[in-house]
C-alpha atoms as a PDB file:
ATOM      1  CA  MET A   1      94.225  78.383  91.010  1.00  0.00           C
ATOM      2  CA  GLU A   2      95.892  81.086  92.442  1.00  0.00           C
ATOM      3  CA  SER A   3      96.544  84.185  90.391  1.00  0.00           C
ATOM      4  CA  ALA A   4     100.280  85.642  89.504  1.00  0.00           C
ATOM      5  CA  GLU A   5      98.928  89.262  89.891  1.00  0.00           C
ATOM      6  CA  ILE A   6      96.516  90.956  92.293  1.00  0.00           C
ATOM      7  CA  ALA A   7      95.288  94.264  91.851  1.00  0.00           C
ATOM      8  CA  VAL A   8      95.874  97.337  94.861  1.00  0.00           C
ATOM      9  CA  GLN A   9      94.813 100.634  95.078  1.00  0.00           C
ATOM     10  CA  VAL A  10      97.320 102.526  97.004  1.00  0.00           C
ATOM     11  CA  VAL A  11      95.896 106.092  98.214  1.00  0.00           C
ATOM     12  CA  TRP A  12      97.404 108.966 100.270  1.00  0.00           C
ATOM     13  CA  SER A  13      97.023 111.775 101.087  1.00  0.00           C
ATOM     14  CA  PRO A  14     100.834 114.151 101.349  1.00  0.00           C
ATOM     15  CA  SER A  15      98.593 117.468 102.580  1.00  0.00           C
ATOM     16  CA  ALA A  16      95.219 119.083 102.935  1.00  0.00           C
ATOM     17  CA  ARG A  17      93.220 118.432 100.428  1.00  0.00           C
ATOM     18  CA  GLU A  18      95.405 116.453  98.372  1.00  0.00           C
ATOM     19  CA  THR A  19      94.910 113.204  97.673  1.00  0.00           C
ATOM     20  CA  LEU A  20      96.628 111.130  95.627  1.00  0.00           C
ATOM     21  CA  THR A  21      95.710 107.358  94.291  1.00  0.00           C
ATOM     22  CA  ALA A  22      97.993 104.570  92.428  1.00  0.00           C
ATOM     23  CA  ALA A  23      95.906 101.838  90.219  1.00  0.00           C
ATOM     24  CA  LEU A  24      98.994  99.610  90.687  1.00  0.00           C
ATOM     25  CA  ARG A  25      99.071  94.872  89.094  1.00  0.00           C
ATOM     26  CA  LEU A  26     101.331  93.071  91.660  1.00  0.00           C
ATOM     27  CA  PRO A  27     102.889  89.899  91.567  1.00  0.00           C
ATOM     28  CA  ALA A  28     100.567  86.753  93.853  1.00  0.00           C
ATOM     29  CA  GLY A  29     102.793  86.979  98.126  1.00  0.00           C
ATOM     30  CA  ALA A  30     103.150  91.272  97.227  1.00  0.00           C
ATOM     31  CA  THR A  31     103.481  92.919 100.743  1.00  0.00           C
ATOM     32  CA  VAL A  32     102.244  96.564 101.759  1.00  0.00           C
ATOM     33  CA  ALA A  33     106.460  97.369 101.026  1.00  0.00           C
ATOM     34  CA  ASP A  34     105.561  96.517  97.662  1.00  0.00           C
ATOM     35  CA  ALA A  35     102.671  98.206  97.084  1.00  0.00           C
ATOM     36  CA  LEU A  36     104.293 101.349  98.403  1.00  0.00           C
ATOM     37  CA  ALA A  37     107.386 100.906  96.271  1.00  0.00           C
ATOM     38  CA  ALA A  38     105.285 100.499  93.001  1.00  0.00           C
ATOM     39  CA  ALA A  39     102.636 103.836  93.652  1.00  0.00           C
ATOM     40  CA  ASP A  40     107.271 105.438  93.262  1.00  0.00           C
ATOM     41  CA  TRP A  41     105.752 108.512  95.169  1.00  0.00           C
ATOM     42  CA  PRO A  42     109.542 110.227  96.100  1.00  0.00           C
ATOM     43  CA  ALA A  43     108.257 110.782 100.134  1.00  0.00           C
ATOM     44  CA  LEU A  44     107.198 107.435 100.900  1.00  0.00           C
ATOM     45  CA  ALA A  45     110.954 106.208  99.799  1.00  0.00           C
ATOM     46  CA  SER A  46     110.980 106.313 104.062  1.00  0.00           C
ATOM     47  CA  ALA A  47     109.061 102.347 103.506  1.00  0.00           C
ATOM     48  CA  ALA A  48     111.742 100.803 101.872  1.00  0.00           C
ATOM     49  CA  GLN A  49     113.163 100.522 104.726  1.00  0.00           C
ATOM     50  CA  GLY A  50     110.688  98.933 107.418  1.00  0.00           C
ATOM     51  CA  ASP A  51     108.120 100.476 109.980  1.00  0.00           C
ATOM     52  CA  ALA A  52     110.500 102.059 111.959  1.00  0.00           C
ATOM     53  CA  ALA A  53     111.510 104.480 109.752  1.00  0.00           C
ATOM     54  CA  PHE A  54     107.892 105.208 108.518  1.00  0.00           C
ATOM     55  CA  GLY A  55     106.767 105.640 111.837  1.00  0.00           C
ATOM     56  CA  ALA A  56     109.376 107.493 111.761  1.00  0.00           C
ATOM     57  CA  ALA A  57     108.395 109.825 109.289  1.00  0.00           C
ATOM     58  CA  GLY A  58     105.146 110.308 111.356  1.00  0.00           C
ATOM     59  CA  LEU A  59     102.963 107.631 108.754  1.00  0.00           C
ATOM     60  CA  SER A  60     101.147 104.334 108.987  1.00  0.00           C
ATOM     61  CA  ALA A  61     100.137 102.016 106.877  1.00  0.00           C
ATOM     62  CA  ALA A  62      96.490 100.552 106.508  1.00  0.00           C
ATOM     63  CA  VAL A  63      94.228  97.995 104.253  1.00  0.00           C
ATOM     64  CA  TRP A  64      90.652  98.335 104.389  1.00  0.00           C
ATOM     65  CA  SER A  65      91.212 101.342 106.811  1.00  0.00           C
ATOM     66  CA  LYS A  66      92.463  98.695 109.439  1.00  0.00           C
ATOM     67  CA  ALA A  67      96.284  99.150 111.025  1.00  0.00           C
ATOM     68  CA  ARG A  68      99.177  97.250 109.027  1.00  0.00           C
ATOM     69  CA  PRO A  69     102.201  96.772 109.157  1.00  0.00           C
ATOM     70  CA  LEU A  70     104.550  97.056 106.070  1.00  0.00           C
ATOM     71  CA  ALA A  71     105.264  93.179 105.477  1.00  0.00           C
ATOM     72  CA  HIS A  72     101.995  92.597 106.142  1.00  0.00           C
ATOM     73  CA  VAL A  73     100.774  90.263 102.025  1.00  0.00           C
ATOM     74  CA  LEU A  74      97.938  91.472 100.122  1.00  0.00           C
ATOM     75  CA  ARG A  75      95.453  90.203  98.464  1.00  0.00           C
ATOM     76  CA  ASP A  76      93.398  90.764  95.298  1.00  0.00           C
ATOM     77  CA  GLY A  77      91.644  93.899  95.678  1.00  0.00           C
ATOM     78  CA  ASP A  78      93.056  95.124  99.188  1.00  0.00           C
ATOM     79  CA  ARG A  79      93.316  99.092  99.077  1.00  0.00           C
ATOM     80  CA  VAL A  80      96.238 100.546 100.728  1.00  0.00           C
ATOM     81  CA  GLU A  81      95.875 103.901 102.948  1.00  0.00           C
ATOM     82  CA  VAL A  82      98.849 106.041 104.195  1.00  0.00           C
ATOM     83  CA  LEU A  83      97.725 107.344 106.631  1.00  0.00           C
ATOM     84  CA  ARG A  84      99.712 110.432 107.817  1.00  0.00           C
ATOM     85  CA  ASP A  85      99.776 111.670 111.642  1.00  0.00           C
ATOM     86  CA  LEU A  86      97.132 114.153 113.767  1.00  0.00           C
ATOM     87  CA  GLN A  87      98.285 117.728 113.431  1.00  0.00           C
ATOM     88  CA  ILE A  88      95.330 118.205 115.355  1.00  0.00           C
ATOM     89  CA  ASP A  89      93.076 115.910 117.875  1.00  0.00           C
ATOM     90  CA  PRO A  90      89.779 116.660 115.768  1.00  0.00           C
ATOM     91  CA  MET A  91      87.431 117.738 118.607  1.00  0.00           C
ATOM     92  CA  THR A  92      89.487 120.894 119.055  1.00  0.00           C
ATOM     93  CA  ALA A  93      89.396 120.968 115.501  1.00  0.00           C
ATOM     94  CA  ARG A  94      85.707 120.939 115.650  1.00  0.00           C
ATOM     95  CA  ARG A  95      85.199 123.200 118.857  1.00  0.00           C
ATOM     96  CA  VAL A  96      87.256 125.745 115.883  1.00  0.00           C
ATOM     97  CA  ARG A  97      85.168 125.876 113.521  1.00  0.00           C
ATOM     98  CA  PHE A  98      81.755 126.105 115.488  1.00  0.00           C
ATOM     99  CA  GLU A  99      83.762 128.794 117.213  1.00  0.00           C
ATOM    100  CA  ALA A 100      84.343 130.217 113.603  1.00  0.00           C
ATOM    101  CA  ALA A 101      80.977 129.944 112.478  1.00  0.00           C
ATOM    102  CA  GLY A 102      79.400 132.180 114.915  1.00  0.00           C
ATOM    103  CA  GLY A 103      79.034 129.286 118.263  1.00  0.00           C
ATOM    104  CA  ILE A 104      75.746 128.740 120.293  1.00  0.00           C
ATOM    105  CA  ASP A 105      74.249 132.019 118.567  1.00  0.00           C
ATOM    106  CA  ALA A 106      74.595 131.482 114.770  1.00  0.00           C
ATOM    107  CA  LEU A 107      72.940 128.398 115.402  1.00  0.00           C
ATOM    108  CA  ARG A 108      69.505 129.809 117.591  1.00  0.00           C
ATOM    109  CA  GLN A 109      69.313 132.636 114.487  1.00  0.00           C
ATOM    110  CA  ARG A 110      69.556 129.983 112.453  1.00  0.00           C
ATOM    111  CA  GLY A 111      66.966 128.167 114.403  1.00  0.00           C
ATOM    112  CA  TYR A 112      68.942 125.222 115.752  1.00  0.00           C
ATOM    113  CA  ALA A 113      69.102 126.414 119.470  1.00  0.00           C
ATOM    114  CA  GLY A 114      66.742 126.982 121.835  1.00  0.00           C
ATOM    115  CA  ARG A 115      66.635 130.243 122.671  1.00  0.00           C
ATOM    116  CA  LYS A 116      68.202 132.779 125.235  1.00  0.00           C
ATOM    117  CA  ARG A 117      66.349 132.652 128.178  1.00  0.00           C
END
């Protein structure tokens, strides 16, 4: 016999170094859009208007790190993740951090890279 309610967790990082989490109890058959509405975060109001409006806001949804449409039906224990568009390419960000830390010379001083010939 299936339970009348499911427990889900909604996680969102609206900006760098900020994470919001909501543990929710929803009726069986609830969708990703229902979970986002129940989280009651005003910035996610576009989710109620459908995938196109949600995407236009630079957001997408995933369940356990797999992209899902807002109409996806949730199961008990699911983790819904709200994803923001990338602001910078990850490889570019890594290169910038590397250079800011002193680049190859800093690695050589710490003994992590071969000596200059």
